Amino acid sequence: MGIDMTFYGMDLTGDTLYVENREDGPWPVEVTKRKNIDYAHYGKDFPWRFLLKGNPYISK
């Protein structure tokens, strides 16, 4: 997608970068805790991992 730090702070409602509202959604989203951060003392159990439910390309 070519998104790098030059886009930091950019308005997401502008013409260059924007969030699109798709009519063929919404897709079922699953929320889980983050993976492979067992070393973290704070936040390791926070539900900060969002993925498409049933997507076979998501790491387990």
PDB file of N, CA and C in Angstrom:
ATOM      1  N   MET A   1       0.807  -1.186   0.000  1.00  0.00           N
ATOM      2  CA  MET A   1       0.000   0.000   0.000  1.00  0.00           C
ATOM      3  C   MET A   1       0.855   1.256   0.000  1.00  0.00           C
ATOM      4  N   GLY A   2       2.097   1.128   0.341  1.00  0.00           N
ATOM      5  CA  GLY A   2       2.989   2.279   0.290  1.00  0.00           C
ATOM      6  C   GLY A   2       2.790   3.284   1.414  1.00  0.00           C
ATOM      7  N   ILE A   3       2.181   2.859   2.500  1.00  0.00           N
ATOM      8  CA  ILE A   3       1.976   3.776   3.624  1.00  0.00           C
ATOM      9  C   ILE A   3       3.213   3.733   4.505  1.00  0.00           C
ATOM     10  N   ASP A   4       3.819   4.899   4.713  1.00  0.00           N
ATOM     11  CA  ASP A   4       5.006   4.990   5.561  1.00  0.00           C
ATOM     12  C   ASP A   4       4.846   6.183   6.509  1.00  0.00           C
ATOM     13  N   MET A   5       5.917   6.567   7.184  1.00  0.00           N
ATOM     14  CA  MET A   5       5.832   7.620   8.192  1.00  0.00           C
ATOM     15  C   MET A   5       5.524   8.998   7.604  1.00  0.00           C
ATOM     16  N   THR A   6       5.623   9.175   6.302  1.00  0.00           N
ATOM     17  CA  THR A   6       5.269  10.474   5.721  1.00  0.00           C
ATOM     18  C   THR A   6       3.765  10.732   5.835  1.00  0.00           C
ATOM     19  N   PHE A   7       2.987   9.691   6.087  1.00  0.00           N
ATOM     20  CA  PHE A   7       1.550   9.825   6.243  1.00  0.00           C
ATOM     21  C   PHE A   7       1.143  10.101   7.694  1.00  0.00           C
ATOM     22  N   TYR A   8       2.110  10.115   8.598  1.00  0.00           N
ATOM     23  CA  TYR A   8       1.821  10.310  10.017  1.00  0.00           C
ATOM     24  C   TYR A   8       1.092  11.629  10.240  1.00  0.00           C
ATOM     25  N   GLY A   9      -0.042  11.577  10.921  1.00  0.00           N
ATOM     26  CA  GLY A   9      -0.807  12.767  11.243  1.00  0.00           C
ATOM     27  C   GLY A   9      -1.696  13.262  10.115  1.00  0.00           C
ATOM     28  N   MET A  10      -1.735  12.548   9.005  1.00  0.00           N
ATOM     29  CA  MET A  10      -2.525  12.986   7.865  1.00  0.00           C
ATOM     30  C   MET A  10      -4.020  12.838   8.154  1.00  0.00           C
ATOM     31  N   ASP A  11      -4.794  13.749   7.612  1.00  0.00           N
ATOM     32  CA  ASP A  11      -6.245  13.734   7.759  1.00  0.00           C
ATOM     33  C   ASP A  11      -6.813  12.535   7.005  1.00  0.00           C
ATOM     34  N   LEU A  12      -7.548  11.671   7.702  1.00  0.00           N
ATOM     35  CA  LEU A  12      -8.112  10.473   7.075  1.00  0.00           C
ATOM     36  C   LEU A  12      -9.413  10.741   6.328  1.00  0.00           C
ATOM     37  N   THR A  13      -9.798  11.998   6.245  1.00  0.00           N
ATOM     38  CA  THR A  13     -10.991  12.347   5.475  1.00  0.00           C
ATOM     39  C   THR A  13     -10.632  13.164   4.244  1.00  0.00           C
ATOM     40  N   GLY A  14      -9.342  13.247   3.932  1.00  0.00           N
ATOM     41  CA  GLY A  14      -8.898  14.029   2.788  1.00  0.00           C
ATOM     42  C   GLY A  14      -8.914  13.232   1.491  1.00  0.00           C
ATOM     43  N   ASP A  15      -8.272  13.786   0.468  1.00  0.00           N
ATOM     44  CA  ASP A  15      -8.231  13.143  -0.844  1.00  0.00           C
ATOM     45  C   ASP A  15      -7.059  12.176  -0.996  1.00  0.00           C
ATOM     46  N   THR A  16      -5.986  12.369  -0.231  1.00  0.00           N
ATOM     47  CA  THR A  16      -4.795  11.544  -0.375  1.00  0.00           C
ATOM     48  C   THR A  16      -4.939  10.204   0.338  1.00  0.00           C
ATOM     49  N   LEU A  17      -5.378  10.249   1.572  1.00  0.00           N
ATOM     50  CA  LEU A  17      -5.546   9.040   2.382  1.00  0.00           C
ATOM     51  C   LEU A  17      -6.915   9.129   3.052  1.00  0.00           C
ATOM     52  N   TYR A  18      -7.709   8.088   2.910  1.00  0.00           N
ATOM     53  CA  TYR A  18      -9.050   8.144   3.479  1.00  0.00           C
ATOM     54  C   TYR A  18      -9.513   6.747   3.857  1.00  0.00           C
ATOM     55  N   VAL A  19     -10.463   6.701   4.759  1.00  0.00           N
ATOM     56  CA  VAL A  19     -11.082   5.451   5.169  1.00  0.00           C
ATOM     57  C   VAL A  19     -12.369   5.313   4.362  1.00  0.00           C
ATOM     58  N   GLU A  20     -12.495   4.197   3.684  1.00  0.00           N
ATOM     59  CA  GLU A  20     -13.627   4.000   2.802  1.00  0.00           C
ATOM     60  C   GLU A  20     -14.732   3.212   3.504  1.00  0.00           C
ATOM     61  N   ASN A  21     -15.954   3.620   3.305  1.00  0.00           N
ATOM     62  CA  ASN A  21     -17.109   2.904   3.827  1.00  0.00           C
ATOM     63  C   ASN A  21     -17.590   1.962   2.734  1.00  0.00           C
ATOM     64  N   ARG A  22     -17.348   0.669   2.889  1.00  0.00           N
ATOM     65  CA  ARG A  22     -17.705  -0.309   1.868  1.00  0.00           C
ATOM     66  C   ARG A  22     -19.131  -0.779   2.057  1.00  0.00           C
ATOM     67  N   GLU A  23     -19.831  -0.947   0.964  1.00  0.00           N
ATOM     68  CA  GLU A  23     -21.221  -1.387   1.016  1.00  0.00           C
ATOM     69  C   GLU A  23     -21.339  -2.898   1.117  1.00  0.00           C
ATOM     70  N   ASP A  24     -20.270  -3.626   0.821  1.00  0.00           N
ATOM     71  CA  ASP A  24     -20.337  -5.089   0.873  1.00  0.00           C
ATOM     72  C   ASP A  24     -19.900  -5.638   2.218  1.00  0.00           C
ATOM     73  N   GLY A  25     -19.889  -4.831   3.234  1.00  0.00           N
ATOM     74  CA  GLY A  25     -19.540  -5.250   4.573  1.00  0.00           C
ATOM     75  C   GLY A  25     -20.771  -5.126   5.452  1.00  0.00           C
ATOM     76  N   PRO A  26     -20.733  -5.178   6.716  1.00  0.00           N
ATOM     77  CA  PRO A  26     -19.514  -5.401   7.489  1.00  0.00           C
ATOM     78  C   PRO A  26     -19.143  -6.876   7.561  1.00  0.00           C
ATOM     79  N   TRP A  27     -17.903  -7.101   7.757  1.00  0.00           N
ATOM     80  CA  TRP A  27     -17.406  -8.466   7.881  1.00  0.00           C
ATOM     81  C   TRP A  27     -17.324  -8.815   9.355  1.00  0.00           C
ATOM     82  N   PRO A  28     -17.464 -10.093   9.685  1.00  0.00           N
ATOM     83  CA  PRO A  28     -17.394 -10.473  11.101  1.00  0.00           C
ATOM     84  C   PRO A  28     -15.968 -10.309  11.631  1.00  0.00           C
ATOM     85  N   VAL A  29     -15.839  -9.520  12.669  1.00  0.00           N
ATOM     86  CA  VAL A  29     -14.532  -9.225  13.265  1.00  0.00           C
ATOM     87  C   VAL A  29     -14.427  -9.947  14.592  1.00  0.00           C
ATOM     88  N   GLU A  30     -13.265 -10.530  14.818  1.00  0.00           N
ATOM     89  CA  GLU A  30     -12.979 -11.226  16.077  1.00  0.00           C
ATOM     90  C   GLU A  30     -11.908 -10.426  16.817  1.00  0.00           C
ATOM     91  N   VAL A  31     -12.057 -10.300  18.118  1.00  0.00           N
ATOM     92  CA  VAL A  31     -11.099  -9.567  18.942  1.00  0.00           C
ATOM     93  C   VAL A  31     -10.430 -10.558  19.880  1.00  0.00           C
ATOM     94  N   THR A  32      -9.097 -10.572  19.876  1.00  0.00           N
ATOM     95  CA  THR A  32      -8.336 -11.451  20.760  1.00  0.00           C
ATOM     96  C   THR A  32      -7.207 -10.665  21.407  1.00  0.00           C
ATOM     97  N   LYS A  33      -6.535 -11.293  22.357  1.00  0.00           N
ATOM     98  CA  LYS A  33      -5.361 -10.636  22.930  1.00  0.00           C
ATOM     99  C   LYS A  33      -4.191 -10.800  21.967  1.00  0.00           C
ATOM    100  N   ARG A  34      -3.198  -9.961  22.104  1.00  0.00           N
ATOM    101  CA  ARG A  34      -2.048  -9.977  21.210  1.00  0.00           C
ATOM    102  C   ARG A  34      -1.227 -11.242  21.389  1.00  0.00           C
ATOM    103  N   LYS A  35      -0.527 -11.634  20.355  1.00  0.00           N
ATOM    104  CA  LYS A  35       0.268 -12.864  20.355  1.00  0.00           C
ATOM    105  C   LYS A  35       1.747 -12.564  20.620  1.00  0.00           C
ATOM    106  N   ASN A  36       2.401 -13.501  21.256  1.00  0.00           N
ATOM    107  CA  ASN A  36       3.856 -13.491  21.457  1.00  0.00           C
ATOM    108  C   ASN A  36       4.379 -12.275  22.208  1.00  0.00           C
ATOM    109  N   ILE A  37       3.616 -11.782  23.155  1.00  0.00           N
ATOM    110  CA  ILE A  37       4.135 -10.717  24.016  1.00  0.00           C
ATOM    111  C   ILE A  37       4.007 -11.127  25.481  1.00  0.00           C
ATOM    112  N   ASP A  38       4.254 -12.398  25.736  1.00  0.00           N
ATOM    113  CA  ASP A  38       4.173 -12.912  27.104  1.00  0.00           C
ATOM    114  C   ASP A  38       5.183 -12.255  28.040  1.00  0.00           C
ATOM    115  N   TYR A  39       6.219 -11.645  27.481  1.00  0.00           N
ATOM    116  CA  TYR A  39       7.239 -10.968  28.284  1.00  0.00           C
ATOM    117  C   TYR A  39       6.712  -9.653  28.863  1.00  0.00           C
ATOM    118  N   ALA A  40       5.657  -9.113  28.276  1.00  0.00           N
ATOM    119  CA  ALA A  40       5.139  -7.814  28.713  1.00  0.00           C
ATOM    120  C   ALA A  40       4.484  -7.932  30.083  1.00  0.00           C
ATOM    121  N   HIS A  41       4.789  -6.993  30.940  1.00  0.00           N
ATOM    122  CA  HIS A  41       4.182  -6.985  32.268  1.00  0.00           C
ATOM    123  C   HIS A  41       2.850  -6.251  32.239  1.00  0.00           C
ATOM    124  N   TYR A  42       2.705  -5.317  31.321  1.00  0.00           N
ATOM    125  CA  TYR A  42       1.499  -4.511  31.225  1.00  0.00           C
ATOM    126  C   TYR A  42       0.917  -4.648  29.824  1.00  0.00           C
ATOM    127  N   GLY A  43      -0.340  -4.965  29.736  1.00  0.00           N
ATOM    128  CA  GLY A  43      -1.027  -4.965  28.459  1.00  0.00           C
ATOM    129  C   GLY A  43      -1.021  -6.259  27.677  1.00  0.00           C
ATOM    130  N   LYS A  44      -0.368  -7.298  28.193  1.00  0.00           N
ATOM    131  CA  LYS A  44      -0.280  -8.530  27.399  1.00  0.00           C
ATOM    132  C   LYS A  44      -1.638  -9.207  27.210  1.00  0.00           C
ATOM    133  N   ASP A  45      -2.585  -8.911  28.070  1.00  0.00           N
ATOM    134  CA  ASP A  45      -3.915  -9.512  27.951  1.00  0.00           C
ATOM    135  C   ASP A  45      -4.964  -8.539  27.410  1.00  0.00           C
ATOM    136  N   PHE A  46      -4.517  -7.384  26.944  1.00  0.00           N
ATOM    137  CA  PHE A  46      -5.466  -6.417  26.383  1.00  0.00           C
ATOM    138  C   PHE A  46      -6.013  -6.940  25.058  1.00  0.00           C
ATOM    139  N   PRO A  47      -7.279  -6.723  24.790  1.00  0.00           N
ATOM    140  CA  PRO A  47      -7.871  -7.171  23.521  1.00  0.00           C
ATOM    141  C   PRO A  47      -7.548  -6.206  22.381  1.00  0.00           C
ATOM    142  N   TRP A  48      -6.302  -6.230  21.913  1.00  0.00           N
ATOM    143  CA  TRP A  48      -5.830  -5.282  20.908  1.00  0.00           C
ATOM    144  C   TRP A  48      -5.490  -5.957  19.591  1.00  0.00           C
ATOM    145  N   ARG A  49      -6.044  -7.122  19.342  1.00  0.00           N
ATOM    146  CA  ARG A  49      -5.793  -7.824  18.075  1.00  0.00           C
ATOM    147  C   ARG A  49      -7.140  -8.030  17.386  1.00  0.00           C
ATOM    148  N   PHE A  50      -7.288  -7.432  16.241  1.00  0.00           N
ATOM    149  CA  PHE A  50      -8.542  -7.485  15.502  1.00  0.00           C
ATOM    150  C   PHE A  50      -8.296  -8.226  14.195  1.00  0.00           C
ATOM    151  N   LEU A  51      -9.158  -9.196  13.883  1.00  0.00           N
ATOM    152  CA  LEU A  51      -8.971  -9.975  12.667  1.00  0.00           C
ATOM    153  C   LEU A  51     -10.320 -10.380  12.106  1.00  0.00           C
ATOM    154  N   LEU A  52     -10.309 -10.729  10.831  1.00  0.00           N
ATOM    155  CA  LEU A  52     -11.536 -11.198  10.202  1.00  0.00           C
ATOM    156  C   LEU A  52     -11.792 -12.627  10.654  1.00  0.00           C
ATOM    157  N   LYS A  53     -12.948 -12.862  11.197  1.00  0.00           N
ATOM    158  CA  LYS A  53     -13.295 -14.174  11.740  1.00  0.00           C
ATOM    159  C   LYS A  53     -13.266 -15.232  10.637  1.00  0.00           C
ATOM    160  N   GLY A  54     -12.547 -16.313  10.876  1.00  0.00           N
ATOM    161  CA  GLY A  54     -12.463 -17.414   9.939  1.00  0.00           C
ATOM    162  C   GLY A  54     -11.470 -17.224   8.809  1.00  0.00           C
ATOM    163  N   ASN A  55     -10.712 -16.124   8.819  1.00  0.00           N
ATOM    164  CA  ASN A  55      -9.728 -15.878   7.771  1.00  0.00           C
ATOM    165  C   ASN A  55      -8.587 -16.896   7.889  1.00  0.00           C
ATOM    166  N   PRO A  56      -8.322 -17.696   6.841  1.00  0.00           N
ATOM    167  CA  PRO A  56      -7.281 -18.716   6.944  1.00  0.00           C
ATOM    168  C   PRO A  56      -5.860 -18.164   6.882  1.00  0.00           C
ATOM    169  N   TYR A  57      -5.700 -16.870   6.611  1.00  0.00           N
ATOM    170  CA  TYR A  57      -4.368 -16.280   6.464  1.00  0.00           C
ATOM    171  C   TYR A  57      -3.888 -15.567   7.737  1.00  0.00           C
ATOM    172  N   ILE A  58      -4.627 -15.674   8.810  1.00  0.00           N
ATOM    173  CA  ILE A  58      -4.245 -15.058  10.072  1.00  0.00           C
ATOM    174  C   ILE A  58      -3.374 -16.029  10.856  1.00  0.00           C
ATOM    175  N   SER A  59      -2.258 -15.529  11.408  1.00  0.00           N
ATOM    176  CA  SER A  59      -1.401 -16.407  12.201  1.00  0.00           C
ATOM    177  C   SER A  59      -2.117 -16.810  13.482  1.00  0.00           C
ATOM    178  N   LYS A  60      -1.929 -18.038  13.872  1.00  0.00           N
ATOM    179  CA  LYS A  60      -2.632 -18.564  15.066  1.00  0.00           C
ATOM    180  C   LYS A  60      -1.789 -18.421  16.281  1.00  0.00           C
TER     181      LYS A  60
END
